[in-house]
């Protein structure tokens, strides 16, 4: 009956996390001061499944634009960097200080792309920069998702495909049966 109030969480390889219906994983007030602090972060993890039909991962978007926080657009609800074989089912990603979901390369000079990512039946709502940002991935499926109400900093779209480095890749990507609406950008 109460939200699970957490500091930034790190995923580990070879795990499945099940969020029961009605569960809210909520960013702790006053935390997430680092410009790259994600609610849930997976750096070079593999074989991870997040299941949560009817569950919500929520940050505190309004707090991050107030004094005391470094200005940033990278406080993502779910950040995947260089991750492989990750499946996400049924979760809502809300009110981030960045993207609902960020899919990018490893945070070093290797620029390892994400690989084999599946996002199905998810909602990205009221995020600051994007519903989903796709920076570097080989093999991405986004199915039956809603990306809505993005507002805060450009580009403010439901989804954006934006490699940041010449070594980053966008390959074998498919979106099916998704709704993108009510975002401040295009």
Protein backbone atom coordinates (compact mmCIF):
# COMPACT_ATOMS: atom_id res chain seq x y z
CA UNK A 1 0.00 0.00 0.00
CA UNK A 2 3.03 2.31 0.09
CA UNK A 3 5.56 3.26 -2.62
CA UNK A 4 9.00 1.68 -2.43
CA UNK A 5 11.16 4.79 -1.96
CA UNK A 6 14.67 4.26 -3.32
CA UNK A 7 18.00 5.83 -4.15
CA UNK A 8 19.59 5.04 -7.56
CA UNK A 9 19.49 1.28 -8.23
CA UNK A 10 21.94 -0.79 -10.32
CA UNK A 11 20.90 -3.87 -12.26
CA UNK A 12 23.01 -7.04 -12.21
CA UNK A 13 23.31 -9.65 -14.97
CA UNK A 14 21.24 -12.85 -15.05
CA UNK A 15 18.25 -11.65 -13.07
CA UNK A 16 14.51 -11.31 -13.42
CA UNK A 17 12.69 -8.71 -11.34
CA UNK A 18 8.93 -9.01 -10.95
CA UNK A 19 6.94 -5.94 -9.86
CA UNK A 20 3.46 -6.89 -8.65
CA UNK A 21 0.44 -4.92 -9.97
CA UNK A 22 0.06 -1.61 -8.14
CA UNK A 23 3.70 -1.41 -7.01
CA UNK A 24 5.28 2.05 -7.26
CA UNK A 25 9.07 2.32 -7.20
CA UNK A 26 9.57 6.00 -6.30
CA UNK A 27 12.75 8.12 -6.36
CA UNK A 28 13.65 9.33 -2.88
CA UNK A 29 13.05 13.02 -2.38
CA UNK A 30 16.27 15.03 -2.18
CA UNK A 31 18.35 12.31 -3.88
CA UNK A 32 19.37 11.95 -7.55
CA UNK A 33 21.51 15.10 -7.38
CA UNK A 34 24.08 13.76 -9.83
CA UNK A 35 23.26 14.80 -13.41
CA UNK A 36 23.39 11.15 -14.59
CA UNK A 37 21.59 9.51 -11.64
CA UNK A 38 19.01 7.04 -12.97
CA UNK A 39 16.26 5.40 -10.96
CA UNK A 40 17.33 2.03 -12.44
CA UNK A 41 20.61 1.71 -14.36
CA UNK A 42 22.06 -1.23 -16.27
CA UNK A 43 25.70 -0.78 -17.38
CA UNK A 44 26.90 -3.70 -19.54
CA UNK A 45 24.45 -6.13 -17.92
CA UNK A 46 23.05 -9.12 -19.78
CA UNK A 47 20.11 -11.49 -19.49
CA UNK A 48 17.86 -9.18 -17.47
CA UNK A 49 14.06 -9.20 -17.43
CA UNK A 50 11.89 -6.55 -15.77
CA UNK A 51 8.19 -7.58 -15.53
CA UNK A 52 5.63 -5.25 -14.08
CA UNK A 53 2.16 -5.20 -15.58
CA UNK A 54 0.33 -2.52 -13.59
CA UNK A 55 3.48 -1.31 -11.80
CA UNK A 56 5.13 2.13 -12.03
CA UNK A 57 8.70 3.40 -11.83
CA UNK A 58 8.42 7.11 -10.98
CA UNK A 59 10.93 9.88 -10.42
CA UNK A 60 10.36 13.44 -9.15
CA UNK A 61 10.63 15.54 -12.32
CA UNK A 62 9.43 18.75 -10.71
CA UNK A 63 12.17 18.59 -8.05
CA UNK A 64 15.03 18.36 -10.58
CA UNK A 65 14.28 21.77 -12.06
CA UNK A 66 14.41 23.52 -8.68
CA UNK A 67 17.44 24.94 -6.92
CA UNK A 68 19.90 22.50 -5.40
CA UNK A 69 20.02 20.25 -8.45
CA UNK A 70 22.59 20.55 -11.23
CA UNK A 71 20.83 21.32 -14.48
CA UNK A 72 20.71 18.07 -16.47
CA UNK A 73 18.59 16.04 -18.87
CA UNK A 74 20.02 12.59 -18.09
CA UNK A 75 18.18 11.52 -14.93
CA UNK A 76 16.45 8.61 -16.67
CA UNK A 77 13.94 6.28 -15.12
CA UNK A 78 15.58 3.28 -16.84
CA UNK A 79 19.06 3.73 -18.30
CA UNK A 80 20.63 0.90 -20.33
CA UNK A 81 24.23 1.26 -21.52
CA UNK A 82 25.96 -1.51 -23.42
CA UNK A 83 23.32 -3.94 -22.12
CA UNK A 84 22.55 -7.23 -23.88
CA UNK A 85 19.42 -9.39 -23.92
CA UNK A 86 17.18 -7.14 -21.79
CA UNK A 87 13.41 -7.57 -21.76
CA UNK A 88 10.98 -5.06 -20.22
CA UNK A 89 7.29 -5.91 -19.92
CA UNK A 90 4.27 -3.89 -18.78
CA UNK A 91 5.93 -1.15 -16.71
CA UNK A 92 5.10 2.56 -16.62
CA UNK A 93 8.10 4.94 -16.58
CA UNK A 94 7.06 8.34 -15.26
CA UNK A 95 8.26 11.82 -14.37
CA UNK A 96 11.98 11.42 -15.00
CA UNK A 97 14.48 14.25 -15.11
CA UNK A 98 15.55 12.91 -18.52
CA UNK A 99 14.10 10.01 -20.53
CA UNK A 100 11.64 7.38 -19.48
CA UNK A 101 13.96 4.83 -21.09
CA UNK A 102 17.49 5.48 -22.39
CA UNK A 103 19.20 2.90 -24.65
CA UNK A 104 22.84 3.78 -25.29
CA UNK A 105 26.41 2.60 -25.55
CA UNK A 106 28.80 1.81 -22.71
CA UNK A 107 30.15 4.81 -20.82
CA UNK A 108 33.74 4.52 -22.08
CA UNK A 109 35.80 4.77 -25.25
CA UNK A 110 34.64 1.31 -26.43
CA UNK A 111 31.09 2.55 -27.17
CA UNK A 112 29.62 -0.95 -26.87
CA UNK A 113 26.03 -0.73 -28.16
CA UNK A 114 23.07 -2.30 -26.45
CA UNK A 115 22.01 -5.53 -28.12
CA UNK A 116 18.78 -7.58 -28.24
CA UNK A 117 16.47 -5.25 -26.29
CA UNK A 118 12.70 -5.88 -26.09
CA UNK A 119 10.27 -3.32 -24.64
CA UNK A 120 6.65 -4.51 -24.69
CA UNK A 121 3.39 -3.11 -23.29
CA UNK A 122 5.08 -0.17 -21.51
CA UNK A 123 4.04 3.44 -20.93
CA UNK A 124 6.45 6.38 -20.84
CA UNK A 125 4.58 9.38 -19.41
CA UNK A 126 5.50 12.90 -18.27
CA UNK A 127 9.23 12.60 -18.84
CA UNK A 128 11.52 15.62 -19.13
CA UNK A 129 13.38 15.02 -22.44
CA UNK A 130 11.95 11.95 -24.22
CA UNK A 131 9.72 8.98 -23.66
CA UNK A 132 12.49 6.80 -25.11
CA UNK A 133 15.93 7.85 -26.42
CA UNK A 134 17.71 5.37 -28.66
CA UNK A 135 21.42 6.21 -28.89
CA UNK A 136 23.15 2.94 -29.80
CA UNK A 137 21.59 -0.50 -30.26
CA UNK A 138 21.72 -3.57 -32.48
CA UNK A 139 18.39 -5.37 -32.29
CA UNK A 140 15.59 -3.39 -30.63
CA UNK A 141 11.90 -4.23 -30.56
CA UNK A 142 9.39 -1.77 -29.09
CA UNK A 143 5.87 -3.22 -29.11
CA UNK A 144 2.48 -1.98 -27.92
CA UNK A 145 3.89 1.02 -26.04
CA UNK A 146 2.49 4.48 -25.25
CA UNK A 147 4.90 7.45 -25.25
CA UNK A 148 3.05 10.51 -24.00
CA UNK A 149 3.23 13.84 -22.23
CA UNK A 150 6.96 14.52 -22.69
CA UNK A 151 7.69 18.09 -21.59
CA UNK A 152 10.74 19.88 -20.26
CA UNK A 153 13.78 20.11 -22.54
CA UNK A 154 14.20 19.63 -26.28
CA UNK A 155 13.47 17.67 -28.28
CA UNK A 156 10.47 16.63 -26.07
CA UNK A 157 9.36 13.83 -28.40
CA UNK A 158 7.87 10.49 -27.63
CA UNK A 159 10.95 8.81 -29.11
CA UNK A 160 14.23 9.99 -30.61
CA UNK A 161 16.95 8.09 -32.47
CA UNK A 162 20.16 10.02 -31.90
CA UNK A 163 23.65 8.51 -31.99
CA UNK A 164 26.12 10.81 -30.24
CA UNK A 165 29.40 9.35 -31.54
CA UNK A 166 30.58 7.95 -34.91
CA UNK A 167 31.11 4.51 -33.29
CA UNK A 168 27.52 4.29 -32.05
CA UNK A 169 25.09 2.18 -34.09
CA UNK A 170 21.40 2.03 -34.89
CA UNK A 171 20.61 -1.31 -36.52
CA UNK A 172 17.73 -3.81 -36.69
CA UNK A 173 15.12 -1.63 -34.95
CA UNK A 174 11.40 -2.21 -35.14
CA UNK A 175 8.48 -0.39 -33.50
CA UNK A 176 5.01 -1.91 -33.82
CA UNK A 177 1.59 -0.86 -32.58
CA UNK A 178 2.86 2.11 -30.55
CA UNK A 179 1.06 5.36 -29.74
CA UNK A 180 3.03 8.60 -29.52
CA UNK A 181 0.93 11.62 -28.51
CA UNK A 182 0.64 14.73 -26.40
CA UNK A 183 4.37 15.47 -26.38
CA UNK A 184 5.57 19.09 -26.40
CA UNK A 185 7.95 18.40 -29.33
CA UNK A 186 6.94 17.22 -32.79
